[in-house]
Structures are given as structure tokens and as C-alpha cells.
């Protein structure tokens, strides 16, 4: 056994220990079968060009292919892989053994973990549109001793031959929509785990097939390189001030000059008057705001900013990589950074324009409503694109190319 192998085993054990602690900090518990797989599969064999320390860094993905400066393929960050595998295992109550799995987006490492989870009686097929990626995945899987994983080079927008049904489809690239082929290839009550972009924000959804629709069982914050091929759908970024951008999705249109002019006006800060403990999780609040703002007939947007713009005080977003915003009736408003008092924090909104105070007040009312409802998590239903309005469940509707998404919140 080489020194590198011994070092790799130690680093792998430390990585898994860190992932377990990370789960605990988020109020999650890592399933024992997922922990076992993570402790067994040698991640460094799937990142041969990275240093061992990089391969076993729990927080970081390892980029394996770039086009110009854009990362188009990577071995995903271990924390994200562990959470998505946990979503899949939870959907089957931990009974992953002998399941048949299709992975969309191939790097090799996740396929090897899935192979451990399903055991010799199960099967794993991994597909990617890029022959460089599938060739690399094949070589890495063989080097790690997983040559019984089927690797396919194809566009997964269409059914993967040979035609068959899968208990689990897990997508490891960022998707904008869910093509019919994914639902059709699932067994009834099978599970699709997919990083799906909704209102410009990506969540990993675990969706259970119920006839022609998919219904969510869980969701997690995540980020992935974007889908390529027929399912690709690019977001647009528009600059509204130096280092300040709007992230546009779902065919949104906005005049950057209008927003920039509003941002140049003095801000009005409004607070919700909450005193929340440090461990309060706010991940679901942003989707709540997206739904509430959309249902009110207002334009929901996502604001992002460079650190220099935040440091200069041009904007004070809750998260500079993407925070909810709205443009309505002569005012631009967004969820602002938290206000801390001792060991509690408050939620706020910052608005600009002639109707700034009212706009800020509306947004914090939405925040208070979420808190009053018990900070509920969203439930997502995915239905075919030709579903009539009268057959849709109650909720906020978001239309895509192939599907109609309906987002609902059940008060706790």
C-alpha cells in the first residue's frame, strides 16, 4: 500500500467526520448506509489531477473540465453529494439495496457511491452528453474497481436506451425543467432527485412519482454546473449599478436603467420586528417570498452583487450571491442583511424610490407571515405542460417548457 493511499484513507475518514458534523449543524442526520459508502469509495481516484487535500475537502467541488473560463464538468462537493444521497435514501426509508438507478451528469464518484448503496443486486447507469466526461468517468470507475457501472454518452433529455424503468433518477447538473423522459423512466412511486431552478433559485428536490405528476418529499439548498444539450436554459444577468446585478429567469424583462435610477435614491430600511435565535434556518423564506410576491402580481427578481459593491454600501443584500427582490409601482425593494441584537437577529427589507416605505413594508409583512405560519417549507408538484388550469392544485404556478410547477406552503 502506497503512502498516498494511506494518506487518502486518513483524509477520507476526516472528510466523512466533517460531513457528519455539518449534517448535525443543519439539523440533519446522515444515514448509516450513506456514511458507509462515503467511507469506502476512494474519492481521490476520481480527481486524479487534484491534490489529495483538494480531493477530500468537504466543502469544495473539483472542476474536471472547463470551456474557456466556464466550468462544464466537476466532481461535486462532498457535502452536497452526501445531502442528495441522503434525500434519495430517505425517500426509500433507507432501503436502497437492489434498486436500479439512473444518474444524469457523470463524474464517476457519485456513481460509485450509488453502486455501494444498491449492492450487487442493484444497478447503476450514468449518462452524460460529453464524450470527454464519459470517457473519463469510465476510466476512473475502472481504476476504483467499479467496472460494473454502465456509462452512456447521450443527451438525457430523451429516454436512455435500452428502454427500462428506474427506481431512482438522480441528476447531478443544474436543471431548469423536467423533461417527460425523466418521469416516464421512473417506476410508480419512484424518486427523482434533481437540482431544479425555480424563480431563479436552485434547490435539490426529492420528487416522488404519482401517476403523471411528481410530488416533493424534501428539498435542500444547492448549486451545480448547468445542464447542456436540449435541456439547457441560460439565466441572464443585467448590470444595474457598479458591481450590482439582477439575475433574470423565466423570460423576465427589466429595464436596468430604471432599477439603477431607483438605487441611486436614498434607501428606506424596514424591519420585521423579529427576535430570532442564531440557528434559525432561512433557506425556505426566499421561496416563500417568491411565491407571495408573484401571487400579489408583482415582479419577483433576484439581486446579486460583488463584494466591492457591498463594502461600498451600494446594496446590503441578505446574501450577495442571490437575494429576493421586487420591482413594483416606482420602488425597488430587496431582502436586506440581518440586524443582530445580542444573541438574536431581525429580518429586514431595504427599498428605494417614491414608494419605498410601502414596498419595504409589504416585504416585511411577507416575512412576518412566514414566521407566523411556523416557517413552513415548500412543497413542489410537477405536472405535464398541457395540464389545464382547472386540474392544477392550489398554489403558485410557474410554467416551464415541459411542465407546470406548483409551489405550496403548509403552515406548521
Foldseek 3Di string as FASTA:
>chain_A
DDPQVVVQLVLLVVLLVVLQVVQVLLVHGQDPLLSVLSNQFRQCLLVVVDDSNQSSDQAAWAQDDDDPNHRQATRGRNSVLRVLVRQQCVLVVNQQALFEEEEEGDSQRSQSSSCSSHDPNYAYEYEYQDPVRLVSNCVSCVVRPNNRHHYYHDQVLAADPPQAAGLEYEYQAEFADDHQNVLVRYDQQRWYFHQYADQNATKTFIWTHHDQKTKTDDIGHDHHHHRDDPRGDDWDWDDLDVFKIWTHDLPDDDDSPLSNVQLVADKDKDWLPDWAAPSDDCPQLQVLLVFVCVVVVWDKIWMAGDVVCVVVVSAAACHRHTWIWTDDDFKIKTWGHWDDDVRTIITMMMMGGPCRVVVRVVSSVSVVVCVVLVVFHKMKMKHFQPDDPVPDDDARWRHDDGTIIGIDTHRD
